[in-house]
Amino acid sequence: MKDWLESFVRGQEGFAAARITSLRRMPGGASKETWAFDLQPGREEGEALLPLVLRIERASPLPVSLDLQTEFRLLQEVYREGLPVPRPYWRGRMPWAAPLPSWNGINGETLVRRLQRDDRYEQARRVIPEQLGRYLARIHRLPGTTGKWISFPGGTGLLPRP
């Protein structure tokens, strides 16, 4: 997989000399496989690594699941509007799997239990509700998504309008 991914990335504009320095599967994901990898964009020694995330579409056991192409397009729009989401880089197709997008990795904690209980997140627990409210308000005001996205049946997510 590493060789194929490196070849795919090298085919993207500005990344002809890119090299993957690590590739690791991330835990979780009921309907999608998630991989993290560090990319050295060029051949310069000491060049900053670019942390990226690769998602791979798999058959979903969930009754409703947002496909990765739609998720990628939605992230592109939200990123363009300046909201704090991972920067979308590329989307493509693996020869042996469904579509795959890749975007910027963001360091942080994802385990809810730790966020709720660990003392080191006490300050975060105080500011997160206000921050999330502000971001949700901005998402609802995005001009690029007005009328372009509709809810899943039952209001559980977004789909592009046909």
N, C-alpha and C. Protein backbone atom coordinates (compact mmCIF):
# COMPACT_ATOMS: atom_id res chain seq x y z
N MET A 1 0.82 -1.19 0.00
CA MET A 1 0.00 0.00 0.00
C MET A 1 0.86 1.26 0.00
N LYS A 2 1.96 1.25 0.75
CA LYS A 2 2.83 2.42 0.83
C LYS A 2 3.36 2.79 -0.56
N ASP A 3 3.79 1.81 -1.33
CA ASP A 3 4.33 2.07 -2.67
C ASP A 3 3.26 2.68 -3.57
N TRP A 4 2.06 2.10 -3.54
CA TRP A 4 0.98 2.64 -4.36
C TRP A 4 0.65 4.07 -3.96
N LEU A 5 0.54 4.33 -2.65
CA LEU A 5 0.19 5.66 -2.15
C LEU A 5 1.27 6.68 -2.52
N GLU A 6 2.52 6.30 -2.38
CA GLU A 6 3.62 7.19 -2.73
C GLU A 6 3.56 7.53 -4.23
N SER A 7 3.28 6.55 -5.05
CA SER A 7 3.15 6.77 -6.49
C SER A 7 1.98 7.71 -6.79
N PHE A 8 0.86 7.51 -6.11
CA PHE A 8 -0.31 8.37 -6.29
C PHE A 8 0.03 9.81 -5.92
N VAL A 9 0.66 10.01 -4.77
CA VAL A 9 1.00 11.36 -4.30
C VAL A 9 1.98 12.03 -5.27
N ARG A 10 2.95 11.28 -5.77
CA ARG A 10 3.92 11.85 -6.72
C ARG A 10 3.26 12.29 -8.02
N GLY A 11 2.11 11.76 -8.31
CA GLY A 11 1.37 12.17 -9.50
C GLY A 11 0.58 13.45 -9.31
N GLN A 12 0.56 13.98 -8.09
CA GLN A 12 -0.18 15.21 -7.81
C GLN A 12 0.73 16.41 -8.04
N GLU A 13 0.16 17.49 -8.52
CA GLU A 13 0.93 18.69 -8.84
C GLU A 13 1.75 19.18 -7.64
N GLY A 14 3.04 19.37 -7.86
CA GLY A 14 3.93 19.90 -6.84
C GLY A 14 4.51 18.86 -5.91
N PHE A 15 4.21 17.58 -6.13
CA PHE A 15 4.67 16.54 -5.22
C PHE A 15 5.45 15.43 -5.94
N ALA A 16 6.08 15.75 -7.05
CA ALA A 16 6.77 14.75 -7.85
C ALA A 16 7.89 14.04 -7.09
N ALA A 17 8.50 14.71 -6.11
CA ALA A 17 9.61 14.11 -5.36
C ALA A 17 9.19 13.69 -3.96
N ALA A 18 7.91 13.63 -3.69
CA ALA A 18 7.42 13.33 -2.34
C ALA A 18 7.80 11.92 -1.91
N ARG A 19 7.93 11.78 -0.59
CA ARG A 19 8.28 10.48 -0.01
C ARG A 19 7.48 10.28 1.26
N ILE A 20 6.88 9.12 1.42
CA ILE A 20 6.15 8.80 2.64
C ILE A 20 7.14 8.26 3.65
N THR A 21 7.18 8.89 4.83
CA THR A 21 8.13 8.46 5.85
C THR A 21 7.50 7.54 6.89
N SER A 22 6.19 7.50 6.94
CA SER A 22 5.52 6.55 7.84
C SER A 22 4.09 6.36 7.34
N LEU A 23 3.55 5.21 7.60
CA LEU A 23 2.17 4.90 7.24
C LEU A 23 1.65 3.97 8.32
N ARG A 24 0.56 4.37 8.96
CA ARG A 24 0.01 3.54 10.04
C ARG A 24 -1.51 3.59 10.02
N ARG A 25 -2.10 2.42 10.22
CA ARG A 25 -3.56 2.34 10.28
C ARG A 25 -4.01 2.86 11.63
N MET A 26 -5.08 3.65 11.60
CA MET A 26 -5.60 4.24 12.83
C MET A 26 -6.78 3.39 13.32
N PRO A 27 -6.97 3.34 14.63
CA PRO A 27 -8.06 2.52 15.17
C PRO A 27 -9.42 3.15 14.89
N GLY A 28 -10.44 2.33 14.99
CA GLY A 28 -11.81 2.81 14.85
C GLY A 28 -12.26 2.82 13.40
N GLY A 29 -13.43 3.36 13.19
CA GLY A 29 -13.96 3.47 11.84
C GLY A 29 -14.87 2.32 11.49
N ALA A 30 -16.16 2.49 11.73
CA ALA A 30 -17.11 1.42 11.45
C ALA A 30 -17.34 1.23 9.96
N SER A 31 -17.24 2.32 9.19
CA SER A 31 -17.57 2.21 7.77
C SER A 31 -16.42 2.62 6.86
N LYS A 32 -15.35 3.13 7.42
CA LYS A 32 -14.22 3.57 6.61
C LYS A 32 -12.92 3.21 7.29
N GLU A 33 -11.93 2.91 6.48
CA GLU A 33 -10.58 2.68 7.00
C GLU A 33 -9.87 4.01 7.04
N THR A 34 -9.13 4.26 8.11
CA THR A 34 -8.39 5.51 8.23
C THR A 34 -6.92 5.21 8.46
N TRP A 35 -6.07 5.87 7.69
CA TRP A 35 -4.63 5.71 7.79
C TRP A 35 -4.01 7.08 7.99
N ALA A 36 -2.96 7.16 8.78
CA ALA A 36 -2.19 8.38 8.95
C ALA A 36 -0.84 8.15 8.29
N PHE A 37 -0.32 9.20 7.66
CA PHE A 37 1.03 9.09 7.10
C PHE A 37 1.69 10.46 7.10
N ASP A 38 3.00 10.43 7.19
CA ASP A 38 3.79 11.66 7.12
C ASP A 38 4.41 11.71 5.75
N LEU A 39 4.34 12.87 5.14
CA LEU A 39 4.84 13.05 3.79
C LEU A 39 5.95 14.08 3.78
N GLN A 40 7.07 13.69 3.22
CA GLN A 40 8.15 14.64 2.97
C GLN A 40 7.89 15.13 1.54
N PRO A 41 7.47 16.42 1.40
CA PRO A 41 7.03 16.90 0.09
C PRO A 41 8.10 16.89 -0.99
N GLY A 42 9.36 17.10 -0.63
CA GLY A 42 10.42 17.13 -1.64
C GLY A 42 11.64 16.38 -1.16
N ARG A 43 12.77 16.70 -1.72
CA ARG A 43 14.01 15.99 -1.39
C ARG A 43 14.90 16.76 -0.42
N GLU A 44 14.46 17.92 0.04
CA GLU A 44 15.26 18.75 0.95
C GLU A 44 15.38 18.08 2.32
N GLU A 45 16.61 17.95 2.80
CA GLU A 45 16.82 17.44 4.16
C GLU A 45 16.31 18.49 5.14
N GLY A 46 15.68 18.06 6.21
CA GLY A 46 15.16 18.97 7.21
C GLY A 46 13.85 19.64 6.83
N GLU A 47 13.33 19.30 5.66
CA GLU A 47 12.05 19.85 5.22
C GLU A 47 10.95 19.36 6.16
N ALA A 48 10.04 20.25 6.51
CA ALA A 48 8.96 19.89 7.43
C ALA A 48 8.10 18.78 6.83
N LEU A 49 7.78 17.80 7.65
CA LEU A 49 6.89 16.73 7.22
C LEU A 49 5.45 17.23 7.23
N LEU A 50 4.69 16.73 6.30
CA LEU A 50 3.28 17.08 6.19
C LEU A 50 2.47 15.90 6.73
N PRO A 51 1.80 16.08 7.89
CA PRO A 51 0.98 14.97 8.42
C PRO A 51 -0.33 14.89 7.64
N LEU A 52 -0.63 13.72 7.09
CA LEU A 52 -1.84 13.55 6.29
C LEU A 52 -2.65 12.36 6.77
N VAL A 53 -3.90 12.37 6.39
CA VAL A 53 -4.83 11.29 6.72
C VAL A 53 -5.41 10.78 5.42
N LEU A 54 -5.50 9.49 5.29
CA LEU A 54 -6.08 8.82 4.12
C LEU A 54 -7.29 8.04 4.60
N ARG A 55 -8.41 8.22 3.93
CA ARG A 55 -9.61 7.46 4.26
C ARG A 55 -9.93 6.55 3.09
N ILE A 56 -10.34 5.34 3.37
CA ILE A 56 -10.69 4.37 2.34
C ILE A 56 -12.12 3.91 2.56
N GLU A 57 -12.91 4.03 1.52
CA GLU A 57 -14.32 3.63 1.58
C GLU A 57 -14.42 2.12 1.61
N ARG A 58 -15.19 1.61 2.51
CA ARG A 58 -15.48 0.17 2.59
C ARG A 58 -17.00 0.02 2.65
N ALA A 59 -17.47 -1.17 2.46
CA ALA A 59 -18.90 -1.42 2.61
C ALA A 59 -19.31 -1.05 4.03
N SER A 60 -20.32 -0.23 4.15
CA SER A 60 -20.72 0.26 5.46
C SER A 60 -21.78 -0.62 6.10
N PRO A 61 -21.57 -0.97 7.37
CA PRO A 61 -22.61 -1.71 8.09
C PRO A 61 -23.70 -0.77 8.61
N LEU A 62 -23.48 0.53 8.48
CA LEU A 62 -24.43 1.51 8.99
C LEU A 62 -25.57 1.72 8.00
N PRO A 63 -26.78 1.98 8.51
CA PRO A 63 -27.91 2.17 7.59
C PRO A 63 -27.76 3.42 6.73
N VAL A 64 -27.06 4.45 7.23
CA VAL A 64 -26.84 5.68 6.49
C VAL A 64 -25.40 6.10 6.73
N SER A 65 -24.67 6.35 5.66
CA SER A 65 -23.27 6.73 5.79
C SER A 65 -22.90 7.70 4.67
N LEU A 66 -22.22 8.76 5.01
CA LEU A 66 -21.79 9.75 4.02
C LEU A 66 -20.62 9.18 3.22
N ASP A 67 -20.74 9.16 1.90
CA ASP A 67 -19.65 8.63 1.10
C ASP A 67 -18.48 9.61 1.11
N LEU A 68 -17.28 9.11 0.86
CA LEU A 68 -16.07 9.92 0.99
C LEU A 68 -15.95 11.01 -0.07
N GLN A 69 -16.49 10.80 -1.26
CA GLN A 69 -16.45 11.85 -2.28
C GLN A 69 -17.26 13.06 -1.80
N THR A 70 -18.43 12.81 -1.23
CA THR A 70 -19.27 13.88 -0.72
C THR A 70 -18.61 14.54 0.48
N GLU A 71 -18.05 13.74 1.37
CA GLU A 71 -17.35 14.27 2.54
C GLU A 71 -16.19 15.17 2.11
N PHE A 72 -15.45 14.75 1.09
CA PHE A 72 -14.32 15.53 0.60
C PHE A 72 -14.80 16.87 0.04
N ARG A 73 -15.85 16.85 -0.79
CA ARG A 73 -16.38 18.09 -1.37
C ARG A 73 -16.89 19.04 -0.29
N LEU A 74 -17.55 18.50 0.70
CA LEU A 74 -18.05 19.32 1.81
C LEU A 74 -16.87 19.94 2.58
N LEU A 75 -15.85 19.14 2.86
CA LEU A 75 -14.66 19.68 3.53
C LEU A 75 -14.00 20.78 2.71
N GLN A 76 -13.94 20.61 1.40
CA GLN A 76 -13.36 21.65 0.53
C GLN A 76 -14.09 22.97 0.71
N GLU A 77 -15.41 22.92 0.68
CA GLU A 77 -16.20 24.14 0.81
C GLU A 77 -16.00 24.79 2.18
N VAL A 78 -16.05 23.99 3.22
CA VAL A 78 -15.91 24.52 4.57
C VAL A 78 -14.50 25.07 4.79
N TYR A 79 -13.49 24.39 4.26
CA TYR A 79 -12.10 24.85 4.37
C TYR A 79 -11.93 26.19 3.65
N ARG A 80 -12.49 26.31 2.44
CA ARG A 80 -12.40 27.56 1.68
C ARG A 80 -12.99 28.74 2.44
N GLU A 81 -13.98 28.47 3.25
CA GLU A 81 -14.63 29.52 4.02
C GLU A 81 -13.88 29.85 5.32
N GLY A 82 -12.76 29.16 5.56
CA GLY A 82 -11.92 29.51 6.70
C GLY A 82 -12.29 28.86 8.02
N LEU A 83 -13.12 27.85 7.99
CA LEU A 83 -13.45 27.15 9.23
C LEU A 83 -12.32 26.19 9.60
N PRO A 84 -12.17 25.90 10.89
CA PRO A 84 -11.06 25.03 11.33
C PRO A 84 -11.33 23.56 11.07
N VAL A 85 -11.10 23.16 9.83
CA VAL A 85 -11.23 21.76 9.42
C VAL A 85 -9.93 21.36 8.74
N PRO A 86 -9.67 20.07 8.62
CA PRO A 86 -8.45 19.65 7.91
C PRO A 86 -8.47 20.12 6.46
N ARG A 87 -7.30 20.52 5.97
CA ARG A 87 -7.20 20.95 4.57
C ARG A 87 -7.31 19.73 3.65
N PRO A 88 -8.28 19.73 2.75
CA PRO A 88 -8.37 18.62 1.79
C PRO A 88 -7.25 18.73 0.75
N TYR A 89 -6.59 17.63 0.46
CA TYR A 89 -5.51 17.63 -0.54
C TYR A 89 -5.95 16.98 -1.83
N TRP A 90 -6.16 15.68 -1.82
CA TRP A 90 -6.44 14.96 -3.06
C TRP A 90 -7.55 13.98 -2.83
N ARG A 91 -8.14 13.60 -3.94
CA ARG A 91 -9.01 12.42 -3.91
C ARG A 91 -8.67 11.61 -5.14
N GLY A 92 -8.80 10.33 -5.00
CA GLY A 92 -8.45 9.44 -6.10
C GLY A 92 -9.15 8.12 -5.92
N ARG A 93 -8.62 7.12 -6.57
CA ARG A 93 -9.22 5.79 -6.50
C ARG A 93 -8.09 4.78 -6.48
N MET A 94 -8.16 3.89 -5.50
CA MET A 94 -7.19 2.81 -5.44
C MET A 94 -7.64 1.74 -6.42
N PRO A 95 -6.72 1.02 -7.03
CA PRO A 95 -7.12 -0.01 -7.98
C PRO A 95 -7.93 -1.13 -7.33
N TRP A 96 -7.74 -1.38 -6.06
CA TRP A 96 -8.41 -2.49 -5.39
C TRP A 96 -9.46 -2.05 -4.38
N ALA A 97 -9.77 -0.76 -4.32
CA ALA A 97 -10.74 -0.28 -3.33
C ALA A 97 -11.55 0.87 -3.91
N ALA A 98 -12.49 1.31 -3.14
CA ALA A 98 -13.35 2.42 -3.54
C ALA A 98 -12.61 3.75 -3.40
N PRO A 99 -13.28 4.86 -3.67
CA PRO A 99 -12.63 6.17 -3.64
C PRO A 99 -11.91 6.44 -2.32
N LEU A 100 -10.86 7.24 -2.43
CA LEU A 100 -10.12 7.63 -1.25
C LEU A 100 -9.79 9.11 -1.31
N PRO A 101 -10.04 9.83 -0.25
CA PRO A 101 -9.57 11.21 -0.15
C PRO A 101 -8.42 11.27 0.84
N SER A 102 -7.64 12.34 0.78
CA SER A 102 -6.64 12.56 1.81
C SER A 102 -6.67 14.03 2.20
N TRP A 103 -6.46 14.27 3.45
CA TRP A 103 -6.44 15.63 3.97
C TRP A 103 -5.46 15.74 5.10
N ASN A 104 -5.26 16.98 5.49
CA ASN A 104 -4.29 17.30 6.52
C ASN A 104 -4.65 16.61 7.84
N GLY A 105 -3.65 16.05 8.50
CA GLY A 105 -3.87 15.50 9.82
C GLY A 105 -3.85 16.61 10.86
N ILE A 106 -4.65 16.47 11.89
CA ILE A 106 -4.69 17.46 12.97
C ILE A 106 -4.43 16.71 14.26
N ASN A 107 -3.43 17.16 15.00
CA ASN A 107 -3.12 16.51 16.28
C ASN A 107 -4.18 16.88 17.30
N GLY A 108 -4.46 15.96 18.18
CA GLY A 108 -5.42 16.23 19.24
C GLY A 108 -5.96 14.94 19.80
N GLU A 109 -6.80 15.08 20.77
CA GLU A 109 -7.41 13.93 21.44
C GLU A 109 -8.76 13.65 20.80
N THR A 110 -9.05 12.38 20.55
CA THR A 110 -10.34 12.01 19.97
C THR A 110 -11.15 11.10 20.89
N LEU A 111 -10.55 10.63 21.96
CA LEU A 111 -11.27 9.74 22.87
C LEU A 111 -12.11 10.57 23.85
N VAL A 112 -13.42 10.44 23.72
CA VAL A 112 -14.35 11.24 24.51
C VAL A 112 -14.12 11.03 26.00
N ARG A 113 -13.88 9.81 26.41
CA ARG A 113 -13.69 9.54 27.85
C ARG A 113 -12.54 10.38 28.41
N ARG A 114 -11.44 10.48 27.69
CA ARG A 114 -10.31 11.30 28.15
C ARG A 114 -10.69 12.77 28.20
N LEU A 115 -11.37 13.23 27.15
CA LEU A 115 -11.77 14.63 27.10
C LEU A 115 -12.71 14.97 28.26
N GLN A 116 -13.56 14.05 28.64
CA GLN A 116 -14.53 14.29 29.71
C GLN A 116 -13.91 14.22 31.10
N ARG A 117 -12.87 13.42 31.27
CA ARG A 117 -12.41 13.12 32.62
C ARG A 117 -11.00 13.57 32.97
N ASP A 118 -10.10 13.60 32.00
CA ASP A 118 -8.70 13.92 32.32
C ASP A 118 -8.56 15.38 32.74
N ASP A 119 -7.79 15.58 33.81
CA ASP A 119 -7.57 16.94 34.32
C ASP A 119 -6.92 17.85 33.28
N ARG A 120 -6.07 17.29 32.43
CA ARG A 120 -5.37 18.13 31.45
C ARG A 120 -6.33 18.77 30.44
N TYR A 121 -7.56 18.31 30.35
CA TYR A 121 -8.54 18.88 29.42
C TYR A 121 -9.58 19.75 30.11
N GLU A 122 -9.33 20.09 31.37
CA GLU A 122 -10.29 20.90 32.12
C GLU A 122 -10.56 22.24 31.43
N GLN A 123 -9.51 22.93 31.01
CA GLN A 123 -9.67 24.21 30.32
C GLN A 123 -10.41 24.02 28.99
N ALA A 124 -10.08 22.96 28.28
CA ALA A 124 -10.75 22.69 27.00
C ALA A 124 -12.24 22.49 27.22
N ARG A 125 -12.62 21.79 28.29
CA ARG A 125 -14.05 21.55 28.57
C ARG A 125 -14.78 22.87 28.81
N ARG A 126 -14.09 23.87 29.32
CA ARG A 126 -14.72 25.16 29.57
C ARG A 126 -14.96 25.95 28.28
N VAL A 127 -14.07 25.82 27.31
CA VAL A 127 -14.18 26.66 26.11
C VAL A 127 -14.81 25.96 24.90
N ILE A 128 -14.80 24.64 24.89
CA ILE A 128 -15.31 23.91 23.72
C ILE A 128 -16.78 24.21 23.40
N PRO A 129 -17.69 24.25 24.36
CA PRO A 129 -19.09 24.50 23.99
C PRO A 129 -19.28 25.82 23.23
N GLU A 130 -18.65 26.88 23.68
CA GLU A 130 -18.78 28.17 23.01
C GLU A 130 -18.13 28.12 21.62
N GLN A 131 -16.96 27.49 21.53
CA GLN A 131 -16.28 27.39 20.23
C GLN A 131 -17.11 26.59 19.24
N LEU A 132 -17.64 25.44 19.67
CA LEU A 132 -18.45 24.62 18.77
C LEU A 132 -19.69 25.35 18.31
N GLY A 133 -20.33 26.09 19.22
CA GLY A 133 -21.50 26.89 18.85
C GLY A 133 -21.16 27.92 17.79
N ARG A 134 -20.03 28.59 17.96
CA ARG A 134 -19.59 29.61 17.00
C ARG A 134 -19.33 28.96 15.63
N TYR A 135 -18.65 27.79 15.61
CA TYR A 135 -18.36 27.12 14.35
C TYR A 135 -19.63 26.62 13.67
N LEU A 136 -20.55 26.07 14.45
CA LEU A 136 -21.81 25.61 13.86
C LEU A 136 -22.59 26.76 13.25
N ALA A 137 -22.59 27.90 13.92
CA ALA A 137 -23.27 29.08 13.37
C ALA A 137 -22.63 29.49 12.04
N ARG A 138 -21.32 29.45 11.96
CA ARG A 138 -20.63 29.79 10.71
C ARG A 138 -20.96 28.79 9.61
N ILE A 139 -21.01 27.50 9.96
CA ILE A 139 -21.36 26.48 8.97
C ILE A 139 -22.74 26.75 8.40
N HIS A 140 -23.68 27.11 9.27
CA HIS A 140 -25.05 27.35 8.82
C HIS A 140 -25.17 28.61 7.97
N ARG A 141 -24.19 29.49 8.04
CA ARG A 141 -24.21 30.72 7.22
C ARG A 141 -23.37 30.61 5.95
N LEU A 142 -22.79 29.46 5.68
CA LEU A 142 -21.93 29.32 4.51
C LEU A 142 -22.73 29.54 3.23
N PRO A 143 -22.30 30.50 2.41
CA PRO A 143 -23.03 30.74 1.16
C PRO A 143 -22.90 29.59 0.17
N GLY A 144 -21.77 28.90 0.17
CA GLY A 144 -21.55 27.82 -0.78
C GLY A 144 -22.41 26.61 -0.55
N THR A 145 -22.98 26.46 0.65
CA THR A 145 -23.77 25.26 0.92
C THR A 145 -25.27 25.53 0.92
N THR A 146 -25.66 26.79 0.85
CA THR A 146 -27.08 27.11 0.86
C THR A 146 -27.76 26.49 -0.35
N GLY A 147 -28.72 25.64 -0.10
CA GLY A 147 -29.46 25.01 -1.17
C GLY A 147 -28.71 23.90 -1.90
N LYS A 148 -27.43 23.69 -1.57
CA LYS A 148 -26.63 22.69 -2.28
C LYS A 148 -26.65 21.34 -1.57
N TRP A 149 -26.91 21.35 -0.30
CA TRP A 149 -26.85 20.12 0.50
C TRP A 149 -28.21 19.87 1.12
N ILE A 150 -28.61 18.61 1.16
CA ILE A 150 -29.88 18.24 1.78
C ILE A 150 -29.61 17.20 2.86
N SER A 151 -30.56 17.04 3.76
CA SER A 151 -30.38 16.10 4.85
C SER A 151 -30.62 14.67 4.39
N PHE A 152 -29.91 13.74 5.08
CA PHE A 152 -30.22 12.32 4.91
C PHE A 152 -31.64 12.09 5.41
N PRO A 153 -32.24 10.98 5.04
CA PRO A 153 -33.52 10.63 5.63
C PRO A 153 -33.36 10.58 7.15
N GLY A 154 -34.28 11.20 7.85
CA GLY A 154 -34.20 11.23 9.31
C GLY A 154 -33.34 12.37 9.82
N GLY A 155 -32.80 13.22 8.91
CA GLY A 155 -32.02 14.37 9.33
C GLY A 155 -30.69 14.03 9.96
N THR A 156 -30.06 12.92 9.55
CA THR A 156 -28.83 12.47 10.21
C THR A 156 -27.56 12.91 9.50
N GLY A 157 -27.65 13.71 8.47
CA GLY A 157 -26.43 14.12 7.79
C GLY A 157 -26.72 14.90 6.53
N LEU A 158 -25.72 15.03 5.66
CA LEU A 158 -25.84 15.83 4.45
C LEU A 158 -25.59 15.02 3.20
N LEU A 159 -26.33 15.34 2.16
CA LEU A 159 -26.11 14.76 0.84
C LEU A 159 -26.12 15.92 -0.17
N PRO A 160 -25.38 15.81 -1.25
CA PRO A 160 -25.47 16.86 -2.27
C PRO A 160 -26.82 16.80 -2.96
N ARG A 161 -27.34 17.96 -3.30
CA ARG A 161 -28.60 17.98 -4.06
C ARG A 161 -28.36 17.43 -5.46
N PRO A 162 -29.31 16.65 -5.99
CA PRO A 162 -29.15 16.11 -7.35
C PRO A 162 -29.20 17.22 -8.38
